[in-house]
Amino acid sequence: MSNPIAQDAFSTALAIEESGSLSAIQDRVRTFAKPYGFDRFVLFSASATTEELVEHIYWVEGDWFGNGESVDAVTYVRHCPVTRHMLLGGDPFFWSKISAEKGELYQVVRIPRGSGIHGLQIPVFGPQGLEGAISLGGEHIEASAQVRLAMSLVGTAAFFSSRRRLETPADGTIGKLSEREREVLAWTAAGRRQADIAATLGLSERTVENHLRRIRLRLGAATTAQAIRIAIRKGEIEI
């Protein structure tokens, strides 16, 4: 591997995999991204099956909106509509935020140019399709193909490593679902409604919901979609 950017990206991704904390992962991403002009970061889980798209933000840093406003899943999607472009393609893409007569305008671009905030959005895919993304921004970013590919490797490693640390409970309860809980979660993963699952398994809808609540707690997941991803990753259920 003779390309220095590729070598640095691989070394950084490997260091991220071996990092013992979220702060260590963040430090690695900052250090790699800074020479290319990135000083704003958002790392989040996502799902194409949810209306909001963004599920949970793992890490946000920098003044994304230029006014010091805090960022959560709702404000991020509202202020950054290009995020939904992930559903149309799947490849990392550059974007620009420029001033227009009617306010700020976000555009997906091939090469960012001019003044304003520019960035790179890197979608991350897994067994459940779209699973998350990292978005990086700055006023003067390098937008070469080499940087795009290198940041994609680093960003993907950062997402999966961060998710393992944030979604895995400390008490080691992952992988201990009951047989009934596996059935309920497997049917949910297959797209069945709670009412249908209840009828199939001879349960009440309230019981199905209680099973899903316990599953989320047992797997350390904030949402059922996250619980499904964790269960698949750990071999608890198959799709």
Protein backbone atom coordinates (compact mmCIF):
# COMPACT_ATOMS: atom_id res chain seq x y z
CA MET A 1 0.00 0.00 0.00
CA SER A 2 2.10 2.93 -1.32
CA ASN A 3 -0.51 5.72 -1.13
CA PRO A 4 0.14 7.72 2.10
CA ILE A 5 -3.51 8.73 2.52
CA ALA A 6 -4.62 5.10 2.16
CA GLN A 7 -1.95 3.96 4.60
CA ASP A 8 -3.01 6.59 7.15
CA ALA A 9 -6.69 5.70 6.71
CA PHE A 10 -6.04 1.99 7.22
CA SER A 11 -3.89 2.65 10.31
CA THR A 12 -6.55 4.97 11.72
CA ALA A 13 -9.38 2.49 11.09
CA LEU A 14 -7.35 -0.24 12.80
CA ALA A 15 -6.67 2.05 15.79
CA ILE A 16 -10.38 2.86 15.99
CA GLU A 17 -11.21 -0.85 16.10
CA GLU A 18 -8.85 -1.22 19.03
CA SER A 19 -10.00 1.92 20.87
CA GLY A 20 -11.38 1.32 24.33
CA SER A 21 -13.72 4.30 24.57
CA LEU A 22 -15.91 6.64 22.54
CA SER A 23 -13.61 9.57 23.32
CA ALA A 24 -10.64 7.63 21.91
CA ILE A 25 -12.60 6.96 18.71
CA GLN A 26 -13.46 10.64 18.43
CA ASP A 27 -9.82 11.64 18.88
CA ARG A 28 -8.77 9.31 16.07
CA VAL A 29 -11.40 10.70 13.70
CA ARG A 30 -10.51 14.33 14.56
CA THR A 31 -6.81 13.72 14.05
CA PHE A 32 -7.34 12.08 10.67
CA ALA A 33 -9.92 14.57 9.41
CA LYS A 34 -8.32 17.85 10.53
CA PRO A 35 -5.66 18.08 7.76
CA TYR A 36 -8.45 17.87 5.19
CA GLY A 37 -10.41 20.78 6.67
CA PHE A 38 -13.11 18.92 8.62
CA ASP A 39 -13.95 20.36 12.05
CA ARG A 40 -17.64 19.46 12.41
CA PHE A 41 -18.83 15.92 13.06
CA VAL A 42 -22.15 14.09 13.42
CA LEU A 43 -22.24 10.31 13.93
CA PHE A 44 -25.67 8.70 14.14
CA SER A 45 -27.68 5.54 13.74
CA ALA A 46 -30.33 5.60 11.04
CA SER A 47 -33.04 3.50 9.48
CA ALA A 48 -34.80 3.82 6.14
CA THR A 49 -37.93 2.34 7.75
CA THR A 50 -38.44 5.22 10.19
CA GLU A 51 -40.06 8.49 9.19
CA GLU A 52 -37.37 10.58 10.88
CA LEU A 53 -34.51 8.58 9.26
CA VAL A 54 -32.08 9.55 12.04
CA GLU A 55 -32.57 7.37 15.14
CA HIS A 56 -29.93 8.38 17.68
CA ILE A 57 -26.99 10.74 17.50
CA TYR A 58 -23.88 9.16 19.02
CA TRP A 59 -21.57 12.14 18.63
CA VAL A 60 -22.02 15.71 17.52
CA GLU A 61 -19.33 18.37 17.51
CA GLY A 62 -18.91 21.82 15.99
CA ASP A 63 -21.20 24.71 15.15
CA TRP A 64 -23.24 23.08 12.41
CA PHE A 65 -25.91 25.76 12.07
CA GLY A 66 -23.79 28.85 12.68
CA ASN A 67 -25.83 29.94 15.68
CA GLY A 68 -24.69 27.65 18.45
CA GLU A 69 -27.98 25.68 18.39
CA SER A 70 -27.70 22.21 19.85
CA VAL A 71 -28.22 19.28 17.51
CA ASP A 72 -30.53 16.32 18.01
CA ALA A 73 -32.18 13.89 15.61
CA VAL A 74 -35.08 16.24 14.86
CA THR A 75 -33.10 19.44 14.34
CA TYR A 76 -30.43 17.68 12.30
CA VAL A 77 -32.87 16.33 9.71
CA ARG A 78 -34.80 19.61 9.65
CA HIS A 79 -31.68 21.71 9.07
CA CYS A 80 -29.83 19.24 6.85
CA PRO A 81 -32.27 17.90 4.23
CA VAL A 82 -29.49 16.41 2.10
CA THR A 83 -29.28 13.60 4.66
CA ARG A 84 -32.21 11.95 2.89
CA HIS A 85 -30.07 11.69 -0.24
CA MET A 86 -28.60 8.56 1.40
CA LEU A 87 -31.84 6.77 0.50
CA LEU A 88 -31.39 7.51 -3.19
CA GLY A 89 -27.86 6.35 -3.74
CA GLY A 90 -25.87 4.72 -1.00
CA ASP A 91 -22.44 6.09 -1.84
CA PRO A 92 -20.66 8.81 0.15
CA PHE A 93 -21.41 12.24 -1.26
CA PHE A 94 -20.27 15.83 -0.88
CA TRP A 95 -22.69 18.63 0.00
CA SER A 96 -22.59 22.41 0.28
CA LYS A 97 -24.56 24.89 2.36
CA ILE A 98 -24.74 28.29 0.74
CA SER A 99 -26.62 31.52 1.39
CA ALA A 100 -29.55 32.23 -0.92
CA GLU A 101 -32.26 34.87 -1.13
CA LYS A 102 -34.72 32.68 0.77
CA GLY A 103 -32.17 31.59 3.38
CA GLU A 104 -29.64 28.80 3.50
CA LEU A 105 -29.64 26.25 0.71
CA TYR A 106 -28.23 22.74 0.92
CA GLN A 107 -27.11 21.00 -2.25
CA VAL A 108 -25.59 17.63 -3.07
CA VAL A 109 -22.55 18.49 -5.20
CA ARG A 110 -19.83 16.68 -7.09
CA ILE A 111 -17.08 19.07 -5.99
CA PRO A 112 -17.69 21.67 -3.22
CA ARG A 113 -16.70 25.17 -4.31
CA GLY A 114 -16.93 28.73 -3.01
CA SER A 115 -17.68 30.11 0.42
CA GLY A 116 -19.96 28.48 2.97
CA ILE A 117 -19.98 25.20 4.85
CA HIS A 118 -19.18 22.09 2.84
CA GLY A 119 -19.14 18.49 3.91
CA LEU A 120 -19.05 14.78 3.25
CA GLN A 121 -21.86 12.39 4.18
CA ILE A 122 -20.90 8.72 4.56
CA PRO A 123 -23.81 6.24 4.84
CA VAL A 124 -23.13 2.92 6.55
CA PHE A 125 -24.97 -0.24 5.55
CA GLY A 126 -25.38 -3.63 7.22
CA PRO A 127 -27.79 -6.59 7.45
CA GLN A 128 -30.75 -4.26 7.98
CA GLY A 129 -29.85 -1.97 5.08
CA LEU A 130 -29.06 1.60 6.10
CA GLU A 131 -27.79 1.47 9.68
CA GLY A 132 -26.17 4.84 10.22
CA ALA A 133 -23.91 7.55 8.89
CA ILE A 134 -21.21 10.02 9.70
CA SER A 135 -21.28 13.55 8.34
CA LEU A 136 -18.23 15.78 8.41
CA GLY A 137 -18.13 19.47 7.58
CA GLY A 138 -15.86 22.48 7.34
CA GLU A 139 -15.37 25.77 5.53
CA HIS A 140 -12.33 24.70 3.52
CA ILE A 141 -12.36 20.96 2.91
CA GLU A 142 -10.34 18.85 0.53
CA ALA A 143 -12.77 17.08 -1.77
CA SER A 144 -10.56 14.70 -3.72
CA ALA A 145 -11.57 11.14 -4.49
CA GLN A 146 -8.71 9.92 -2.29
CA VAL A 147 -9.99 11.84 0.72
CA ARG A 148 -13.57 10.69 0.08
CA LEU A 149 -12.53 7.03 0.02
CA ALA A 150 -10.17 7.39 2.98
CA MET A 151 -12.77 9.18 5.11
CA SER A 152 -15.30 6.49 4.16
CA LEU A 153 -13.04 3.80 5.62
CA VAL A 154 -12.39 5.79 8.79
CA GLY A 155 -16.03 6.88 9.18
CA THR A 156 -17.39 3.36 8.76
CA ALA A 157 -14.96 2.01 11.35
CA ALA A 158 -15.94 4.84 13.71
CA PHE A 159 -19.64 4.05 13.34
CA PHE A 160 -19.43 0.33 14.05
CA SER A 161 -16.94 0.75 16.90
CA SER A 162 -19.04 3.50 18.51
CA ARG A 163 -22.23 1.47 18.18
CA ARG A 164 -20.64 -1.56 19.85
CA ARG A 165 -19.66 0.56 22.83
CA LEU A 166 -22.92 2.46 23.11
CA GLU A 167 -25.38 -0.35 22.42
CA THR A 168 -23.73 -3.20 24.30
CA PRO A 169 -24.85 -3.36 27.95
CA ALA A 170 -22.15 -3.59 30.60
CA ASP A 171 -23.74 -6.51 32.44
CA GLY A 172 -23.18 -9.01 29.62
CA THR A 173 -26.85 -9.81 29.09
CA ILE A 174 -26.61 -9.85 25.29
CA GLY A 175 -27.33 -13.25 23.80
CA LYS A 176 -29.69 -14.34 26.56
CA LEU A 177 -33.10 -13.87 24.99
CA SER A 178 -35.74 -16.44 25.86
CA GLU A 179 -37.17 -18.63 23.13
CA ARG A 180 -40.42 -16.63 23.16
CA GLU A 181 -38.49 -13.35 22.94
CA ARG A 182 -36.58 -14.68 19.93
CA GLU A 183 -39.87 -15.62 18.26
CA VAL A 184 -41.38 -12.19 18.84
CA LEU A 185 -38.27 -10.38 17.64
CA ALA A 186 -37.87 -12.62 14.59
CA TRP A 187 -41.46 -11.95 13.50
CA THR A 188 -40.92 -8.23 14.10
CA ALA A 189 -37.76 -8.30 11.99
CA ALA A 190 -39.77 -9.96 9.23
CA GLY A 191 -42.07 -6.94 9.15
CA ARG A 192 -45.09 -8.43 10.91
CA ARG A 193 -47.36 -6.11 12.89
CA GLN A 194 -47.78 -6.61 16.62
CA ALA A 195 -51.42 -7.63 16.13
CA ASP A 196 -50.39 -10.32 13.62
CA ILE A 197 -47.60 -11.57 15.88
CA ALA A 198 -50.03 -11.80 18.78
CA ALA A 199 -52.49 -13.84 16.70
CA THR A 200 -49.76 -16.14 15.39
CA LEU A 201 -48.29 -16.87 18.80
CA GLY A 202 -51.59 -16.92 20.72
CA LEU A 203 -50.70 -13.85 22.79
CA SER A 204 -52.31 -10.52 23.49
CA GLU A 205 -50.94 -7.39 21.81
CA ARG A 206 -50.02 -6.07 25.26
CA THR A 207 -47.93 -9.19 25.90
CA VAL A 208 -46.13 -8.76 22.57
CA GLU A 209 -45.34 -5.14 23.45
CA ASN A 210 -44.08 -6.23 26.88
CA HIS A 211 -41.82 -8.80 25.22
CA LEU A 212 -40.40 -6.12 22.92
CA ARG A 213 -39.82 -3.79 25.85
CA ARG A 214 -37.92 -6.50 27.74
CA ILE A 215 -35.95 -7.36 24.61
CA ARG A 216 -34.82 -3.74 24.23
CA LEU A 217 -33.76 -3.62 27.87
CA ARG A 218 -32.01 -6.99 27.68
CA LEU A 219 -30.07 -5.99 24.55
CA GLY A 220 -29.35 -2.46 25.70
CA ALA A 221 -31.20 -0.99 22.71
CA ALA A 222 -33.11 2.26 22.61
CA THR A 223 -35.37 1.14 19.75
CA THR A 224 -36.73 -2.13 18.42
CA ALA A 225 -34.80 -1.56 15.18
CA GLN A 226 -31.58 -1.39 17.18
CA ALA A 227 -32.55 -4.53 19.08
CA ILE A 228 -33.06 -6.37 15.80
CA ARG A 229 -29.63 -5.29 14.54
CA ILE A 230 -27.93 -6.38 17.77
CA ALA A 231 -29.75 -9.73 17.81
CA ILE A 232 -28.77 -10.46 14.19
CA ARG A 233 -25.18 -9.47 14.86
CA LYS A 234 -25.05 -11.78 17.90
CA GLY A 235 -26.75 -14.69 16.12
CA GLU A 236 -29.88 -14.55 18.28
CA ILE A 237 -32.18 -14.36 15.26
CA GLU A 238 -31.80 -14.82 11.51
CA ILE A 239 -33.51 -13.07 8.61
